[in-house]
Amino acid sequence: MGIVKKEGFDEKTLELALLAKALGNPARMAIIIYMIENPSCICNDIVFKLPLAQSTISKHLSELKNVGLIKGEIEGSKLCYCINPKVWSTLKLLFSDLFQSYDGEKGYSC
């Protein structure tokens, strides 16, 4: 991967790009959707629902956890993951602000 220039961009833009990049993979989107539909999930449950190897799912879970979209903890011999409500709220606000900033009624043209 190439180096991404971060200087000159505000924190809000950088955070939105980071979170959007994490969601920019169909496997990670499927994991997030599964977690939304199943608020208390365990890693092995996800493996049975997605057409991916356990090691691949673990890598995607790690990516989502690294950006804070999910959180996880060990319960005995099981890893439990769930949506991180604080970061999810931030993501929702960032996307909401982005979508609300565009007003198609203004007559933009290309």
Protein backbone atom coordinates (compact mmCIF):
# COMPACT_ATOMS: atom_id res chain seq x y z
CA MET A 1 0.00 0.00 0.00
CA GLY A 2 1.07 3.51 -0.63
CA ILE A 3 1.65 6.19 1.94
CA VAL A 4 -1.34 8.41 2.55
CA LYS A 5 -0.66 12.10 3.05
CA LYS A 6 -2.50 13.23 6.16
CA GLU A 7 -1.13 16.74 6.56
CA GLY A 8 -3.53 19.48 5.56
CA PHE A 9 -6.70 17.52 6.35
CA ASP A 10 -8.82 18.20 9.41
CA GLU A 11 -9.36 15.52 12.07
CA LYS A 12 -12.99 15.03 11.10
CA THR A 13 -12.05 14.21 7.49
CA LEU A 14 -9.25 11.87 8.56
CA GLU A 15 -11.49 10.02 11.01
CA LEU A 16 -14.27 9.62 8.46
CA ALA A 17 -11.80 8.29 5.87
CA LEU A 18 -10.32 5.80 8.35
CA LEU A 19 -13.71 4.44 9.39
CA ALA A 20 -15.03 4.37 5.82
CA LYS A 21 -11.94 2.46 4.71
CA ALA A 22 -12.54 -0.13 7.42
CA LEU A 23 -16.11 -0.58 6.17
CA GLY A 24 -15.00 -0.65 2.53
CA ASN A 25 -14.69 -4.43 2.43
CA PRO A 26 -17.69 -6.72 1.91
CA ALA A 27 -16.51 -9.20 4.54
CA ARG A 28 -16.18 -6.47 7.17
CA MET A 29 -19.58 -5.08 6.21
CA ALA A 30 -21.07 -8.57 6.60
CA ILE A 31 -19.44 -8.88 10.02
CA ILE A 32 -20.86 -5.50 11.12
CA ILE A 33 -24.32 -6.41 9.82
CA TYR A 34 -24.15 -9.74 11.65
CA MET A 35 -23.18 -7.96 14.87
CA ILE A 36 -26.05 -5.51 14.52
CA GLU A 37 -28.50 -8.37 14.00
CA ASN A 38 -26.92 -10.46 16.81
CA PRO A 39 -25.92 -8.03 19.57
CA SER A 40 -24.04 -10.68 21.53
CA CYS A 41 -21.85 -12.70 19.22
CA ILE A 42 -18.90 -14.99 19.49
CA CYS A 43 -16.22 -15.34 16.84
CA ASN A 44 -17.16 -18.93 16.00
CA ASP A 45 -20.75 -17.87 15.28
CA ILE A 46 -19.49 -15.51 12.59
CA VAL A 47 -17.40 -18.28 11.02
CA PHE A 48 -20.53 -20.40 10.53
CA LYS A 49 -22.43 -17.51 8.92
CA LEU A 50 -19.84 -16.21 6.43
CA PRO A 51 -18.20 -18.05 3.53
CA LEU A 52 -14.71 -17.32 4.85
CA ALA A 53 -12.03 -19.18 6.77
CA GLN A 54 -11.73 -18.56 10.50
CA SER A 55 -8.30 -16.99 10.00
CA THR A 56 -9.71 -14.57 7.42
CA ILE A 57 -12.56 -13.59 9.71
CA SER A 58 -10.09 -13.08 12.56
CA LYS A 59 -8.07 -10.71 10.36
CA HIS A 60 -11.20 -8.71 9.50
CA LEU A 61 -12.25 -8.60 13.17
CA SER A 62 -8.79 -7.30 14.00
CA GLU A 63 -9.10 -4.54 11.39
CA LEU A 64 -12.49 -3.48 12.74
CA LYS A 65 -11.19 -3.55 16.30
CA ASN A 66 -8.08 -1.53 15.39
CA VAL A 67 -10.22 1.39 14.19
CA GLY A 68 -12.52 1.03 17.19
CA LEU A 69 -15.73 0.06 15.38
CA ILE A 70 -15.96 -3.11 17.44
CA LYS A 71 -14.74 -4.14 20.82
CA GLY A 72 -14.01 -7.59 22.09
CA GLU A 73 -13.14 -9.47 25.22
CA ILE A 74 -12.27 -12.98 26.24
CA GLU A 75 -14.91 -14.93 28.14
CA GLY A 76 -13.33 -18.20 29.15
CA SER A 77 -12.15 -19.85 25.95
CA LYS A 78 -14.35 -17.69 23.71
CA LEU A 79 -13.77 -14.31 22.13
CA CYS A 80 -16.84 -12.09 22.23
CA TYR A 81 -17.15 -9.12 19.91
CA CYS A 82 -19.76 -6.40 19.64
CA ILE A 83 -20.29 -2.98 18.11
CA ASN A 84 -18.51 -0.20 20.00
CA PRO A 85 -21.42 2.21 20.62
CA LYS A 86 -19.20 5.26 21.17
CA VAL A 87 -17.35 4.92 17.86
CA TRP A 88 -20.53 3.84 16.07
CA SER A 89 -22.21 7.08 17.21
CA THR A 90 -19.23 9.06 15.96
CA LEU A 91 -19.40 7.29 12.59
CA LYS A 92 -23.12 7.97 12.35
CA LEU A 93 -22.58 11.66 13.10
CA LEU A 94 -19.70 11.98 10.61
CA PHE A 95 -21.71 10.42 7.79
CA SER A 96 -24.80 12.40 8.75
CA ASP A 97 -22.84 15.65 8.58
CA LEU A 98 -21.41 14.64 5.21
CA PHE A 99 -24.78 13.74 3.71
CA GLN A 100 -26.47 16.83 5.11
CA SER A 101 -23.76 19.09 3.65
CA TYR A 102 -24.90 18.26 0.13
CA ASP A 103 -28.00 20.06 -1.02
CA GLY A 104 -29.09 18.76 -4.41
CA GLU A 105 -31.63 21.58 -4.57
CA LYS A 106 -28.82 24.11 -5.11
CA GLY A 107 -28.55 23.10 -8.76
CA TYR A 108 -25.02 21.70 -8.76
CA SER A 109 -23.87 20.86 -12.26
CA CYS A 110 -20.91 19.06 -13.75
